[in-house]
Every structure is written in structure tokens, then in C-alpha cells.
Amino acid sequence: MEDLLRVVSAGGDIGIYILILIVWKFSERLVKLETTITMMLRDNRKREPEGR
């Protein structure tokens, strides 16, 4: 929140700042989602029979 106030007081465009914040939060969630999917795939591979 302090960063937001600094940008506004420095005369920066608040729309650009909010857009960057949204993209950053979204990319953070994508990384978590990717990690979860990878873990699920590893678990599935371990459960498969070795006869393939």
C-alpha cells in the first residue's frame, strides 16, 4: 500500500500500477497452480503399474 501512495505522490499513473499488481498476483497464482499440477502428475506416475 505504501508503494501505491509513493507512485501516486510521484505523479505516476495509478492505472499502470494497478495493472502491474494484477499481473504479478496472477502470475504468482499460475506458479502455484503449475506446482500443484506437477505434484499430481508425479503421484499418478508412482501409482501406475510398472508393466508398461
Protein backbone atom coordinates (compact mmCIF):
# COMPACT_ATOMS: atom_id res chain seq x y z
CA MET A 1 0.00 0.00 0.00
CA GLU A 2 2.89 2.35 0.75
CA ASP A 3 4.27 1.71 -2.73
CA LEU A 4 0.93 2.75 -4.22
CA LEU A 5 0.99 6.03 -2.30
CA ARG A 6 4.58 6.70 -3.43
CA VAL A 7 3.65 6.17 -7.08
CA VAL A 8 0.63 8.47 -6.81
CA SER A 9 2.55 11.19 -4.94
CA ALA A 10 5.37 10.99 -7.51
CA GLY A 11 2.84 11.73 -10.25
CA GLY A 12 2.80 8.20 -11.66
CA ASP A 13 -0.20 6.73 -13.46
CA ILE A 14 -2.21 4.69 -10.95
CA GLY A 15 -3.81 2.60 -13.72
CA ILE A 16 -0.46 1.22 -14.84
CA TYR A 17 0.48 0.41 -11.25
CA ILE A 18 -2.78 -1.47 -10.65
CA LEU A 19 -2.34 -3.38 -13.93
CA ILE A 20 1.18 -4.47 -12.91
CA LEU A 21 -0.11 -5.52 -9.48
CA ILE A 22 -2.89 -7.64 -11.04
CA VAL A 23 -0.49 -9.32 -13.49
CA TRP A 24 2.00 -10.01 -10.69
CA LYS A 25 -0.65 -11.59 -8.45
CA PHE A 26 -2.00 -13.62 -11.39
CA SER A 27 1.45 -14.93 -12.31
CA GLU A 28 2.02 -15.86 -8.66
CA ARG A 29 -1.15 -17.98 -8.74
CA LEU A 30 -0.11 -19.59 -12.03
CA VAL A 31 3.16 -20.74 -10.47
CA LYS A 32 1.26 -22.27 -7.54
CA LEU A 33 -1.16 -23.97 -9.96
CA GLU A 34 1.70 -25.33 -12.06
CA THR A 35 3.39 -26.73 -8.94
CA THR A 36 0.15 -28.40 -7.86
CA ILE A 37 -0.38 -30.00 -11.29
CA THR A 38 3.22 -31.24 -11.36
CA MET A 39 2.82 -32.85 -7.94
CA MET A 40 -0.45 -34.52 -9.02
CA LEU A 41 1.20 -35.92 -12.17
CA ARG A 42 4.11 -37.30 -10.12
CA ASP A 43 1.69 -39.02 -7.75
CA ASN A 44 -0.20 -40.57 -10.70
CA ARG A 45 3.03 -41.89 -12.23
CA LYS A 46 4.00 -43.54 -8.94
CA ARG A 47 0.63 -45.31 -8.75
CA GLU A 48 0.81 -46.73 -12.29
CA PRO A 49 1.93 -50.35 -12.60
CA GLU A 50 5.49 -50.90 -13.82
CA GLY A 51 4.41 -53.24 -16.65
CA ARG A 52 4.11 -50.52 -19.33
